[in-house]
Protein backbone atom coordinates (compact mmCIF):
# COMPACT_ATOMS: atom_id res chain seq x y z
CA MET A 1 58.55 137.91 -93.35
CA ARG A 2 55.24 139.62 -94.11
CA PHE A 3 54.46 141.01 -97.56
CA ASP A 4 51.64 143.54 -97.71
CA ASP A 5 49.91 143.21 -101.09
CA ARG A 6 46.52 144.56 -100.04
CA LEU A 7 46.69 147.57 -102.38
CA THR A 8 47.66 145.39 -105.34
CA THR A 9 44.77 143.06 -104.53
CA VAL A 10 42.28 145.92 -104.35
CA LEU A 11 43.43 147.33 -107.70
CA LYS A 12 43.07 144.03 -109.55
CA GLY A 13 40.18 143.56 -111.93
CA SER A 14 38.05 145.98 -113.89
CA LEU A 15 36.77 149.35 -112.73
CA PRO A 16 33.76 148.81 -110.41
CA GLU A 17 30.50 150.70 -110.68
CA GLY A 18 27.71 151.72 -108.33
CA PRO A 19 28.18 151.02 -104.59
CA ALA A 20 31.27 148.92 -105.38
CA ALA A 21 33.00 152.03 -106.78
CA ALA A 22 32.47 153.93 -103.50
CA THR A 23 33.73 150.92 -101.53
CA GLN A 24 36.92 150.65 -103.61
CA TRP A 25 37.52 154.41 -103.39
CA ARG A 26 37.35 154.16 -99.60
CA GLN A 27 39.65 151.10 -99.57
CA VAL A 28 42.29 152.77 -101.76
CA ILE A 29 42.51 156.00 -99.74
CA ASP A 30 42.61 153.96 -96.51
CA LEU A 31 45.55 151.88 -97.76
CA LEU A 32 47.41 154.88 -99.20
CA ALA A 33 46.88 157.01 -96.10
CA GLN A 34 48.18 154.91 -93.22
CA LYS A 35 51.53 153.38 -94.17
CA PRO A 36 52.99 155.38 -97.08
CA GLY A 37 56.54 154.32 -96.24
CA ASP A 38 55.67 150.66 -96.88
CA LEU A 39 54.46 151.30 -100.44
CA ALA A 40 56.61 151.46 -103.56
CA ASN A 41 56.42 154.60 -105.71
CA GLN A 42 54.67 152.73 -108.51
CA ASP A 43 52.04 151.48 -106.06
CA VAL A 44 51.31 155.02 -104.89
CA GLN A 45 51.03 156.15 -108.52
CA ALA A 46 48.71 153.25 -109.33
CA GLY A 47 46.54 154.03 -106.33
CA LEU A 48 46.20 157.73 -107.24
CA THR A 49 45.42 156.77 -110.84
CA ARG A 50 42.62 154.51 -109.64
CA LEU A 51 41.21 157.34 -107.49
CA HIS A 52 41.24 159.54 -110.59
CA ASP A 53 39.40 156.88 -112.61
CA LEU A 54 36.79 156.44 -109.86
CA HIS A 55 36.28 160.16 -109.27
CA GLU A 56 33.21 160.56 -111.49
CA LEU A 57 31.71 157.28 -110.24
CA VAL A 58 31.71 158.20 -106.54
CA SER A 59 29.48 160.96 -105.17
CA GLU A 60 30.98 163.86 -103.24
CA ARG A 61 29.03 162.79 -100.16
CA ASP A 62 30.66 159.34 -100.20
CA ARG A 63 34.10 160.83 -100.80
CA VAL A 64 33.73 163.26 -97.89
CA ALA A 65 32.57 160.47 -95.56
CA ALA A 66 35.54 158.30 -96.58
CA VAL A 67 38.07 161.09 -95.97
CA GLN A 68 36.51 161.97 -92.60
CA SER A 69 36.93 158.34 -91.52
CA LEU A 70 40.72 158.84 -91.83
CA SER A 71 40.72 161.26 -88.91
CA GLY A 72 44.30 161.44 -87.63
CA ARG A 73 45.50 158.62 -89.93
CA LEU A 74 46.25 160.46 -93.20
CA ARG A 75 50.05 160.19 -93.34
CA SER A 76 50.61 160.21 -97.11
CA ALA A 77 51.67 163.57 -98.60
CA PRO A 78 50.82 162.58 -102.22
CA LEU A 79 47.32 161.56 -101.14
CA LEU A 80 46.92 164.81 -99.19
CA VAL A 81 47.92 166.81 -102.28
CA TYR A 82 45.39 164.89 -104.36
CA LEU A 83 42.53 165.31 -101.89
CA THR A 84 43.09 169.02 -101.26
CA ALA A 85 42.69 169.59 -105.02
CA ASP A 86 39.15 168.19 -104.86
CA THR A 87 36.10 170.14 -103.66
CA ASP A 88 36.24 172.48 -100.66
CA ALA A 89 34.46 169.96 -98.39
CA ILE A 90 36.94 167.21 -99.23
CA CYS A 91 39.88 169.60 -98.89
CA ASP A 92 38.73 170.62 -95.40
CA ALA A 93 38.20 166.99 -94.35
CA ALA A 94 41.64 166.00 -95.66
CA MET A 95 43.41 168.80 -93.81
CA ALA A 96 41.60 167.85 -90.59
CA ALA A 97 42.62 164.20 -91.04
CA ALA A 98 46.28 164.88 -91.91
CA ASP A 99 49.06 163.63 -89.62
CA LEU A 100 52.37 164.57 -91.32
CA THR A 101 55.72 165.58 -89.87
CA PRO A 102 56.58 169.28 -90.32
CA GLU A 103 59.41 168.35 -92.76
CA ILE A 104 57.21 166.18 -95.03
CA CYS A 105 54.40 168.72 -94.86
CA ALA A 106 56.86 171.41 -95.96
CA ASP A 107 57.70 169.37 -99.08
CA ALA A 108 54.00 169.08 -99.89
CA PHE A 109 53.13 172.72 -99.06
CA PRO A 110 53.89 174.26 -102.50
CA ARG A 111 51.75 171.61 -104.20
CA LEU A 112 48.74 171.95 -101.92
CA SER A 113 45.69 173.75 -103.24
CA PRO A 114 45.32 177.44 -102.39
CA ARG A 115 42.51 176.60 -99.98
CA ALA A 116 44.70 174.10 -98.12
CA ARG A 117 47.54 176.60 -97.84
CA ASP A 118 45.09 179.23 -96.59
CA LEU A 119 43.85 176.77 -93.94
CA LEU A 120 47.39 176.23 -92.68
CA GLN A 121 48.07 179.96 -92.59
CA THR A 122 44.75 180.61 -90.85
CA GLN A 123 45.80 178.13 -88.15
CA GLY A 124 49.02 180.09 -87.67
CA PHE A 125 51.51 178.12 -89.78
CA ALA A 126 53.98 179.39 -92.36
CA LEU A 127 56.54 177.73 -94.62
CA VAL A 128 60.15 178.06 -93.43
CA VAL A 129 62.86 177.86 -96.12
CA ASP A 130 66.58 177.22 -95.77
CA GLU A 131 69.39 179.49 -96.97
CA GLU A 132 69.06 178.18 -100.51
CA GLY A 133 65.33 178.89 -100.66
CA ARG A 134 64.22 175.25 -100.41
CA PRO A 135 61.28 174.21 -98.18
CA ASP A 136 62.58 173.23 -94.77
CA SER A 137 59.60 172.79 -92.40
CA LEU A 138 56.35 174.35 -91.20
CA SER A 139 56.41 176.70 -88.25
CA PRO A 140 53.82 178.79 -86.38
CA LEU A 141 53.81 182.41 -87.54
CA SER A 142 55.71 184.80 -85.27
CA ALA A 143 55.59 188.55 -85.58
CA THR A 144 59.08 188.87 -84.09
CA THR A 145 60.77 186.21 -86.22
CA PRO A 146 63.06 187.95 -88.76
CA PRO A 147 62.83 186.97 -92.45
CA PRO A 148 65.55 184.71 -93.89
CA ALA A 149 68.83 186.36 -94.81
CA GLY A 150 68.74 188.14 -98.16
CA ARG A 151 64.91 188.55 -98.20
CA SER A 152 62.66 191.40 -97.27
CA ALA A 153 59.75 190.96 -94.91
CA ASP A 154 57.29 191.25 -97.81
CA GLU A 155 59.09 188.76 -100.02
CA GLN A 156 57.54 185.30 -100.28
CA PRO A 157 59.60 182.07 -100.52
CA ALA A 158 60.13 180.83 -104.01
CA MET A 159 57.71 178.04 -104.83
CA GLU A 160 55.95 176.47 -107.74
CA PRO A 161 52.93 178.33 -109.22
CA PRO A 162 49.67 177.65 -107.37
CA VAL A 163 47.50 174.82 -108.54
CA ASP A 164 44.78 175.84 -110.97
CA ASP A 165 41.33 175.50 -109.43
CA ALA A 166 39.64 174.56 -112.70
CA GLY A 167 39.45 171.12 -114.20
CA ASP A 168 39.65 167.60 -112.82
CA PRO A 169 41.27 167.49 -109.36
CA ALA A 170 43.32 164.43 -110.25
CA ALA A 171 44.79 166.18 -113.29
CA ARG A 172 46.15 168.94 -111.06
CA VAL A 173 48.31 166.55 -109.04
CA ALA A 174 49.12 163.81 -111.54
CA GLY A 175 52.35 163.30 -113.46
CA SER A 176 55.64 164.85 -112.53
CA GLN A 177 54.54 166.66 -109.36
CA ILE A 178 53.33 163.49 -107.67
CA SER A 179 56.34 161.50 -108.90
CA ALA A 180 58.77 164.09 -107.59
CA LEU A 181 56.98 164.35 -104.27
CA VAL A 182 56.81 160.58 -103.79
CA GLU A 183 60.53 160.21 -104.56
CA LYS A 184 61.47 163.09 -102.26
CA ILE A 185 59.50 161.66 -99.35
CA ALA A 186 60.96 158.20 -99.94
CA ASP A 187 64.48 159.65 -99.84
CA TYR A 188 63.66 161.60 -96.68
CA GLN A 189 62.31 158.53 -94.89
CA LYS A 190 65.30 156.45 -96.01
CA ASN A 191 67.86 158.94 -94.68
CA ARG A 192 65.88 160.13 -91.65
CA SER A 193 67.47 157.74 -89.17
CA ALA A 194 70.98 158.94 -90.14
CA GLU A 195 70.16 162.62 -89.59
CA THR A 196 70.79 164.38 -86.31
CA PRO A 197 67.69 165.67 -84.55
CA ARG A 198 66.75 169.22 -85.43
CA SER A 199 66.59 171.80 -82.67
CA PRO A 200 63.40 173.80 -82.23
CA LEU A 201 63.08 176.60 -84.79
CA HIS A 202 62.28 179.19 -82.13
CA ASP A 203 63.55 179.71 -78.62
CA GLY A 204 63.05 181.98 -75.66
CA SER A 205 60.23 184.40 -76.20
CA ASN A 206 59.08 182.86 -79.48
CA LYS A 207 57.76 179.52 -78.21
CA ASN A 208 56.61 176.99 -80.78
CA PHE A 209 53.57 175.09 -79.54
CA LEU A 210 54.57 172.15 -81.74
CA PHE A 211 57.29 171.48 -79.17
CA GLU A 212 55.62 172.63 -75.94
CA SER A 213 54.14 170.19 -73.49
CA LEU A 214 50.39 170.13 -73.01
CA GLU A 215 49.08 168.52 -69.84
CA SER A 216 45.31 169.02 -70.12
CA VAL A 217 42.67 169.94 -72.70
CA ARG A 218 39.10 171.06 -72.00
CA PHE A 219 36.63 170.07 -74.70
CA GLU A 220 32.98 169.84 -75.73
CA THR A 221 31.27 167.48 -78.18
CA ASP A 222 28.05 167.60 -80.14
CA GLU A 223 25.28 165.01 -79.85
CA THR A 224 27.14 162.60 -82.16
CA GLY A 225 30.23 162.56 -79.90
CA THR A 226 32.38 164.65 -82.27
CA ILE A 227 34.59 167.21 -80.50
CA ASN A 228 33.56 170.68 -81.74
CA TRP A 229 35.37 172.93 -79.25
CA THR A 230 38.64 172.86 -77.34
CA GLU A 231 40.38 175.35 -75.10
CA GLY A 232 43.65 176.50 -76.65
CA PRO A 233 45.78 175.21 -79.54
CA PRO A 234 46.16 173.08 -81.55
CA LYS A 235 42.46 172.87 -82.39
CA GLY A 236 43.02 171.20 -85.75
CA ALA A 237 44.40 168.03 -84.15
CA ILE A 238 41.50 167.64 -81.69
CA VAL A 239 38.37 169.15 -83.24
CA GLY A 240 36.65 166.50 -85.34
CA VAL A 241 37.81 163.53 -83.24
CA THR A 242 34.94 161.39 -81.97
CA ILE A 243 34.52 159.89 -78.51
CA ALA A 244 31.60 157.74 -79.66
CA GLN A 245 33.61 154.95 -81.31
CA PRO A 246 36.60 153.02 -79.87
CA ALA A 247 40.00 153.73 -81.39
CA PHE A 248 40.83 151.50 -84.37
CA ASP A 249 44.41 150.34 -85.02
CA GLU A 250 46.61 153.42 -84.49
CA GLY A 251 43.86 156.00 -84.98
CA PRO A 252 42.40 158.42 -82.42
CA GLY A 253 39.51 157.59 -80.13
CA PRO A 254 38.54 156.34 -76.66
CA ASP A 255 38.76 152.85 -75.21
CA ALA A 256 35.75 150.54 -75.11
CA TYR A 257 34.73 151.89 -71.67
CA GLY A 258 34.58 155.48 -72.92
CA ALA A 259 32.61 154.55 -76.04
CA ALA A 260 30.16 152.47 -74.00
CA ALA A 261 29.63 155.32 -71.54
CA PHE A 262 28.82 157.62 -74.45
CA ARG A 263 26.27 155.16 -75.85
CA GLN A 264 24.53 155.02 -72.47
CA ARG A 265 24.83 158.81 -71.92
CA MET A 266 26.60 158.13 -68.64
CA PRO A 267 29.45 160.08 -67.00
CA MET A 268 32.92 158.71 -67.69
CA GLU A 269 35.94 158.95 -65.42
CA ASN A 270 39.55 158.42 -66.48
CA ALA A 271 38.64 156.66 -69.73
CA ARG A 272 41.64 156.04 -71.95
CA MET A 273 41.80 158.33 -74.98
CA ARG A 274 44.30 158.39 -77.84
CA LEU A 275 45.00 161.48 -79.96
CA CYS A 276 46.99 161.72 -83.17
CA GLY A 277 48.29 164.51 -85.37
CA ALA A 278 50.36 167.33 -83.90
CA ALA A 279 53.26 166.17 -81.72
CA ILE A 280 51.99 168.23 -78.79
CA VAL A 281 48.82 166.11 -78.46
CA THR A 282 49.88 162.76 -79.90
CA GLY A 283 49.71 159.88 -77.43
CA ASP A 284 47.59 158.56 -74.59
CA TRP A 285 45.30 160.69 -72.42
CA ARG A 286 42.82 160.14 -69.60
CA MET A 287 39.35 161.55 -70.24
CA SER A 288 36.67 162.53 -67.71
CA ALA A 289 33.41 163.98 -69.01
CA ILE A 290 29.72 164.33 -68.23
CA PRO A 291 26.75 164.57 -70.60
CA TYR A 292 24.80 167.82 -70.82
CA PHE A 293 21.21 168.36 -71.88
CA SER A 294 19.12 171.24 -73.18
CA GLU A 295 17.46 173.18 -70.35
CA GLU A 296 14.39 173.81 -72.49
CA THR A 297 13.73 170.41 -74.08
CA GLY A 298 15.88 168.03 -72.00
CA ARG A 299 17.42 166.74 -75.23
CA PHE A 300 20.95 165.30 -75.11
CA GLU A 301 23.39 167.77 -76.66
CA GLY A 302 26.81 166.26 -76.06
CA TYR A 303 29.59 165.93 -73.48
CA ARG A 304 31.77 168.43 -71.64
CA GLY A 305 34.98 167.32 -70.04
CA ILE A 306 38.72 167.40 -69.74
CA MET A 307 41.54 165.26 -71.08
CA ARG A 308 44.80 165.00 -69.16
CA ARG A 309 48.06 163.16 -69.57
CA PRO A 310 48.27 159.94 -67.48
CA ASN A 311 50.41 160.17 -64.37
CA MET A 312 53.35 157.87 -63.65
CA ALA A 313 51.29 155.43 -61.61
CA GLU A 314 48.74 155.06 -64.41
CA ASP A 315 51.48 154.58 -66.98
CA ALA A 316 53.15 151.96 -64.81
CA GLY A 317 49.90 150.14 -64.12
CA HIS A 318 48.68 150.17 -67.71
CA SER A 319 49.09 146.76 -69.28
CA GLY A 320 48.11 147.85 -72.78
CA ILE A 321 49.38 145.71 -75.60
CA ASP A 322 50.76 147.43 -78.67
CA VAL A 323 49.45 146.49 -82.09
CA GLU A 324 52.26 144.13 -83.08
CA ARG A 325 52.24 142.20 -79.79
CA ARG A 326 48.45 142.03 -79.85
CA GLU A 327 48.44 140.58 -83.36
CA GLN A 328 51.11 138.04 -82.40
CA LEU A 329 49.17 136.97 -79.30
CA GLN A 330 45.91 136.61 -81.22
CA GLN A 331 47.69 134.59 -83.91
CA LEU A 332 49.18 132.32 -81.25
CA ILE A 333 45.75 131.78 -79.66
CA HIS A 334 44.31 130.93 -83.07
CA GLU A 335 47.08 128.42 -83.74
CA LEU A 336 46.57 126.76 -80.34
CA ARG A 337 42.81 126.46 -80.81
CA THR A 338 43.16 124.22 -83.86
CA PRO A 339 45.01 121.29 -82.21
CA LEU A 340 42.90 121.62 -79.05
CA ASN A 341 39.68 121.29 -81.04
CA ALA A 342 41.15 118.20 -82.73
CA VAL A 343 42.04 116.69 -79.33
CA ILE A 344 38.52 117.36 -78.05
CA GLY A 345 36.99 115.79 -81.17
CA PHE A 346 39.02 112.57 -80.97
CA SER A 347 38.41 112.31 -77.21
CA GLU A 348 34.67 112.50 -77.81
CA ILE A 349 34.93 109.77 -80.45
CA ILE A 350 36.68 107.46 -77.97
CA GLU A 351 34.44 108.39 -75.03
CA GLN A 352 31.27 107.78 -77.05
CA GLN A 353 32.73 104.65 -78.74
CA LEU A 354 31.77 105.93 -82.20
CA PHE A 355 34.44 103.84 -83.96
CA GLY A 356 33.94 100.71 -81.89
CA PRO A 357 33.96 99.47 -78.27
CA ALA A 358 36.57 100.79 -75.81
CA SER A 359 37.36 99.73 -72.27
CA PHE A 360 36.09 101.71 -69.27
CA GLU A 361 39.63 102.79 -68.32
CA TYR A 362 40.32 103.97 -71.88
CA ARG A 363 37.06 105.96 -71.99
CA SER A 364 37.75 107.49 -68.57
CA LEU A 365 41.16 108.61 -69.76
CA ALA A 366 39.64 110.09 -72.91
CA ARG A 367 37.04 111.94 -70.80
CA ASN A 368 39.75 113.43 -68.58
CA ILE A 369 41.73 114.54 -71.61
CA MET A 370 38.60 116.10 -73.12
CA ASP A 371 37.82 118.02 -69.91
CA GLU A 372 41.36 119.37 -69.62
CA ALA A 373 41.38 120.38 -73.31
CA ARG A 374 38.10 122.24 -72.88
CA ARG A 375 39.49 123.99 -69.82
CA LEU A 376 42.54 125.08 -71.82
CA LEU A 377 40.30 126.23 -74.66
CA ALA A 378 38.18 128.29 -72.24
CA GLY A 379 41.35 129.92 -70.91
CA PHE A 380 42.46 130.85 -74.43
CA GLU A 381 38.99 132.29 -75.12
CA ASP A 382 39.26 134.45 -71.97
CA LEU A 383 42.72 135.63 -73.00
CA ASP A 384 41.50 136.51 -76.50
CA ILE A 385 38.54 138.45 -75.09
CA ALA A 386 40.82 140.30 -72.64
CA VAL A 387 43.06 141.41 -75.52
CA LYS A 388 40.06 142.63 -77.51
CA VAL A 389 38.67 144.55 -74.53
CA ASP A 390 42.06 146.14 -73.81
CA SER A 391 42.47 147.24 -77.45
CA GLY A 392 38.85 148.29 -78.01
CA GLN A 393 38.29 145.57 -80.62
CA LEU A 394 35.37 143.92 -78.84
CA PRO A 395 32.32 144.23 -81.12
CA GLU A 396 29.67 146.69 -79.95
CA SER A 397 26.77 144.96 -78.24
CA SER A 398 23.23 145.64 -79.46
CA GLY A 399 19.78 144.20 -78.85
CA THR A 400 18.12 143.10 -75.62
CA THR A 401 18.19 139.96 -73.45
CA LYS A 402 15.49 138.79 -71.04
CA ALA A 403 16.52 137.76 -67.54
CA ASP A 404 14.53 134.50 -67.73
CA TRP A 405 16.46 133.37 -70.80
CA LEU A 406 19.76 134.28 -69.11
CA PHE A 407 19.03 132.31 -65.92
CA GLU A 408 17.90 129.30 -67.93
CA ARG A 409 21.20 129.37 -69.81
CA MET A 410 23.14 129.72 -66.56
CA THR A 411 21.28 126.69 -65.10
CA GLN A 412 22.30 124.54 -68.05
CA ARG A 413 25.86 125.86 -68.20
CA LEU A 414 26.74 125.77 -64.48
CA GLN A 415 24.92 122.62 -63.38
CA GLY A 416 27.99 120.42 -63.63
CA LEU A 417 30.19 122.95 -61.81
CA THR A 418 27.76 123.39 -58.90
CA GLN A 419 27.35 119.63 -58.51
CA SER A 420 31.09 118.91 -58.54
CA ASN A 421 31.73 121.65 -55.95
CA VAL A 422 28.60 120.81 -53.89
CA VAL A 423 27.38 124.43 -54.05
CA ASP A 424 23.78 125.66 -54.10
CA LEU A 425 23.09 128.74 -56.24
CA ASN A 426 19.85 130.58 -55.37
CA ILE A 427 18.92 133.61 -57.47
CA SER A 428 15.81 135.77 -56.95
CA LYS A 429 14.33 138.63 -58.96
CA ALA A 430 12.53 141.79 -57.87
CA GLU A 431 9.82 141.58 -60.53
CA PRO A 432 9.28 142.93 -63.01
CA VAL A 433 12.89 143.10 -64.23
CA ARG A 434 13.62 144.90 -67.47
CA PRO A 435 15.59 143.15 -70.24
CA PHE A 436 19.31 143.86 -70.44
CA ALA A 437 20.25 146.40 -73.12
CA LEU A 438 22.87 143.94 -74.47
CA ASP A 439 22.78 140.96 -76.79
CA GLY A 440 22.49 137.49 -75.30
CA GLU A 441 26.06 136.46 -76.02
CA SER A 442 27.53 139.47 -74.20
CA VAL A 443 25.33 139.08 -71.11
CA GLU A 444 25.93 135.33 -70.94
CA ARG A 445 29.69 135.84 -71.24
CA ILE A 446 29.75 138.27 -68.30
CA PHE A 447 27.46 136.26 -65.97
CA ALA A 448 29.07 132.90 -66.78
CA ARG A 449 32.53 134.12 -65.84
CA LEU A 450 31.35 135.89 -62.68
CA LEU A 451 29.27 132.96 -61.39
CA SER A 452 31.93 130.38 -62.29
CA ALA A 453 34.57 132.33 -60.36
CA ALA A 454 32.19 132.65 -57.38
CA ILE A 455 31.24 128.95 -57.33
CA ILE A 456 34.89 127.88 -57.43
CA SER A 457 35.56 130.21 -54.46
CA CYS A 458 32.94 128.49 -52.27
CA GLU A 459 33.44 125.82 -49.65
CA HIS A 460 31.70 122.47 -50.15
CA GLY A 461 28.07 122.69 -49.08
CA GLU A 462 27.97 126.48 -49.25
CA THR A 463 24.99 128.45 -50.62
CA LEU A 464 25.42 131.43 -52.90
CA LYS A 465 22.59 133.95 -52.91
CA GLY A 466 21.98 136.40 -55.74
CA GLU A 467 19.34 139.01 -56.46
CA LEU A 468 18.54 140.87 -59.69
CA ARG A 469 16.56 144.10 -59.68
CA THR A 470 16.04 147.05 -62.02
CA ARG A 471 17.08 150.51 -60.87
CA ILE A 472 14.80 153.14 -62.43
CA GLY A 473 16.25 156.49 -63.52
CA LEU A 474 17.29 158.55 -66.51
CA HIS A 475 19.46 155.61 -67.56
CA PRO A 476 17.89 152.44 -66.07
CA THR A 477 20.24 149.66 -65.00
CA ASN A 478 19.96 146.06 -63.89
CA GLN A 479 21.89 145.42 -60.67
CA PHE A 480 22.86 141.88 -59.75
CA THR A 481 24.03 141.43 -56.15
CA LEU A 482 25.84 138.22 -55.19
CA SER A 483 26.95 137.18 -51.70
CA ARG A 484 30.71 136.89 -51.32
CA PRO A 485 31.99 133.30 -51.20
CA SER A 486 33.50 132.34 -47.85
CA ARG A 487 37.00 131.60 -49.21
CA ILE A 488 37.42 135.19 -50.40
CA LYS A 489 35.40 136.86 -47.63
CA ASP A 490 38.19 138.86 -46.03
CA ILE A 491 40.32 139.59 -49.11
CA ALA A 492 40.55 143.24 -50.21
CA GLU A 493 39.14 144.21 -53.60
CA SER A 494 42.54 145.35 -54.90
CA VAL A 495 44.01 141.93 -54.07
CA LEU A 496 41.09 140.05 -55.60
CA LEU A 497 41.49 141.98 -58.87
CA ASP A 498 45.21 141.20 -59.05
CA PRO A 499 45.66 138.96 -62.16
CA SER A 500 48.08 136.78 -60.19
CA GLN A 501 45.53 136.15 -57.42
CA GLY A 502 44.39 132.54 -56.95
CA ILE A 503 42.74 130.50 -54.21
CA ASP A 504 44.58 128.17 -51.90
CA GLY A 505 43.74 124.61 -52.76
CA ASP A 506 42.36 125.34 -56.24
CA GLY A 507 41.21 122.15 -57.91
CA GLY A 508 40.97 121.15 -61.51
CA GLU A 509 37.78 123.18 -62.01
CA SER A 510 39.46 126.50 -61.24
CA SER A 511 40.01 129.13 -63.89
CA LEU A 512 43.08 128.47 -66.00
CA LEU A 513 44.24 132.08 -65.64
CA GLY A 514 43.36 132.55 -61.96
CA LEU A 515 40.55 134.12 -59.97
CA GLY A 516 42.02 137.62 -60.19
CA PHE A 517 42.17 137.46 -63.98
CA SER A 518 38.55 136.23 -64.18
CA LEU A 519 37.20 139.01 -61.93
CA ARG A 520 39.22 141.67 -63.73
CA LEU A 521 37.90 140.35 -67.06
CA VAL A 522 34.31 140.55 -65.76
CA ARG A 523 34.92 144.13 -64.61
CA ASN A 524 36.41 145.17 -67.96
CA LEU A 525 33.60 143.48 -69.89
CA ALA A 526 31.03 145.27 -67.72
CA GLN A 527 32.74 148.63 -68.21
CA SER A 528 32.96 148.14 -71.98
CA ALA A 529 29.19 147.54 -71.96
CA GLY A 530 28.50 150.69 -69.93
CA GLY A 531 28.25 148.97 -66.53
CA SER A 532 30.48 148.26 -63.53
CA LEU A 533 31.64 145.62 -61.05
CA THR A 534 32.14 146.56 -57.40
CA ILE A 535 33.19 144.35 -54.48
CA SER A 536 32.14 145.24 -50.94
CA ARG A 537 32.75 143.38 -47.69
CA GLU A 538 29.59 141.27 -47.99
CA ASN A 539 28.58 141.39 -51.67
CA ILE A 540 29.72 141.50 -55.27
CA ALA A 541 27.59 143.94 -57.31
CA LEU A 542 27.38 143.76 -61.10
CA THR A 543 25.60 146.63 -62.86
CA LEU A 544 24.62 146.50 -66.55
CA PRO A 545 22.43 148.80 -68.67
CA ALA A 546 18.73 147.92 -68.85
CA ALA A 547 16.35 148.49 -71.73
CA ALA A 548 14.34 151.71 -71.58
CA ILE A 549 10.66 150.70 -71.50
CA SER A 550 7.47 151.75 -69.71
CA LYS A 551 7.22 152.40 -65.95
CA ILE A 552 7.19 149.36 -63.70
CA SER A 553 6.26 148.52 -60.15
CA VAL A 554 8.26 146.28 -57.87
CA ARG A 555 7.26 143.08 -56.13
CA GLU A 556 9.43 140.34 -54.69
CA SER A 557 9.33 136.89 -56.25
CA GLU A 558 11.48 133.79 -55.98
C-alpha cells in the first residue's frame, strides 16, 4: 500500500517568503493538478487556501511560468476555476494546460471566469444541458444542432451568475462553490465506472471532432521549440507544447532522441512524441521534422514537421515501459544494488586480508565472488540506464570532453578486459579533433559499452582498429569508426541489435544482458545525445556531437 502525503508535507510549517513562496506555490499547483482523484476534499480545500495566502507573495511572472509548466497535466477542475479567476495571462495559461473530460469540464463551466468561458466559445465549444437544465457536457458548436426541448434558440442555459472580475481571485472561487464542485467531481469519479458509456452527442452530418480520429498533424515551432501553429483542430491541445524537453511522467513531449535532436538543431525522423488533452490527440505519435533558418540572417527560427500515429509494426515493436512498471523495476534494481555492494565490500576485505591472514584458496574464491558481483552490478546499471533512456528520464548532458582524456580513461578501464581476451586495441585520431559536446560521464558511458562489447566479440589474438575524426559542417560531429570483430563479421545489423542476441561460446567476461542489449543501449544512448550508431559490413560507426569552435585543418597522427 502506498500513501501519498506529499501535499500535506508541503503545507506543513509557516507561510514562506521570498523565493521559497514561489517554490511552494509551484509545488502546490503541481500536486493539485495531476491526480485530483487521489486527494480528499479537505486536502483540495487546504491547497487552494494556501494558494490564496501565497497570492500576494508570488509575482505574476512566477505564477504564469508555474502554470505553463503544467501543459497538458492540469486535471483538477477546482484548480482550473481558481486559476482562471486570476489575471488574463494566468487564465490563458491555465486553459491551455487543462486536460479535463467533457463531463467534468461541464460541471466547472458555470464557475469559470468570463474570459475562460469566452476562450472555450472562441474555440468552438458550448455547454450542453440535459432535459432538466443541468450541465451535461461540452460540445463543439453546430449551426444545425437544434436547441434543447422547451427552449428557444436565443435562450441561454440556466447557470450561476458570472464571477465578478473585481477583487482577489481566490475570493471569487473560495467557499461553497469550490466545496460543491469538489464534491460533485468526487461523486462523478466514484460512480463513473458503473455508468454506461455515452454515445457521441452528434451524428451523421454534425461530426464532433472530439470523437473523430486524427492520423497526422502538421506543425511549426518557434526558436524555443514551442509549437505555435498546427494545421486543423484542435489547436488548443497542441499549440504551446514543447519539443525541446523530454516528456515528464504522464505529460506531453518528445522522447530523449527528439529533445537531443532539437538541442543540436538536427533533423529528426520518427521520434516518439506524446500529446495530452483532447481525446482526439491524446496518446503516442511519431514525429519527423527539420529545422528552418532565416533566409536573411541565417538565424535558427524553429522546426517544421509532421506528427503521425504509429503503425501496427511500430506499436508491436515498441518496448516502452509504463510509469508503474518503470517505477517497480527501478525500485527492484535499487534493492538489488544494496546487497551486491555489501558482497563486493566483504569480498575485498577477504581478498586484501584487511581483518587478518587468509589462505590463497580462500582469497581466490573471494576474488571470483567479487568479480561476479561486479558483473551483476554492471548489468543492473545498464538495465537502469536503458529504462531511463526509454522513458526520457536520462539527465541532459552538458559541457565538453576532450578526446585525450576519454582515451586515457578507456585505457585504464579496458586494460584488464583486453588482456584476458588477448585482444589489441589500436585507436588513431585525425588531428586536430574537437572536444565532444557532452560531459565526460556520458561520453565514457557510451564508449565503454561499445568497446567492451567489441572486445568480447573478438577472437584471441585479434586486433581491433578504431579511428576518430571530426566532421566539419553546420553541426560538427565526431565520428568514431571501429572495425567489426571477426565473430560478428557476417551477422546482419537487425540481428545484432536484437536484445536476445549473444555470441556462441560467451565466457564469464561477456555482458550480463547479451551483446544485442549492449549494442542497442549504445545506439539509444547515442541517439539521446544527438548522435547515431550504424553498423556496416566492415565497420561500426559511432557519431556524437562535437563542440563548435574555430576552423581546423586535418593531419593524420597515431
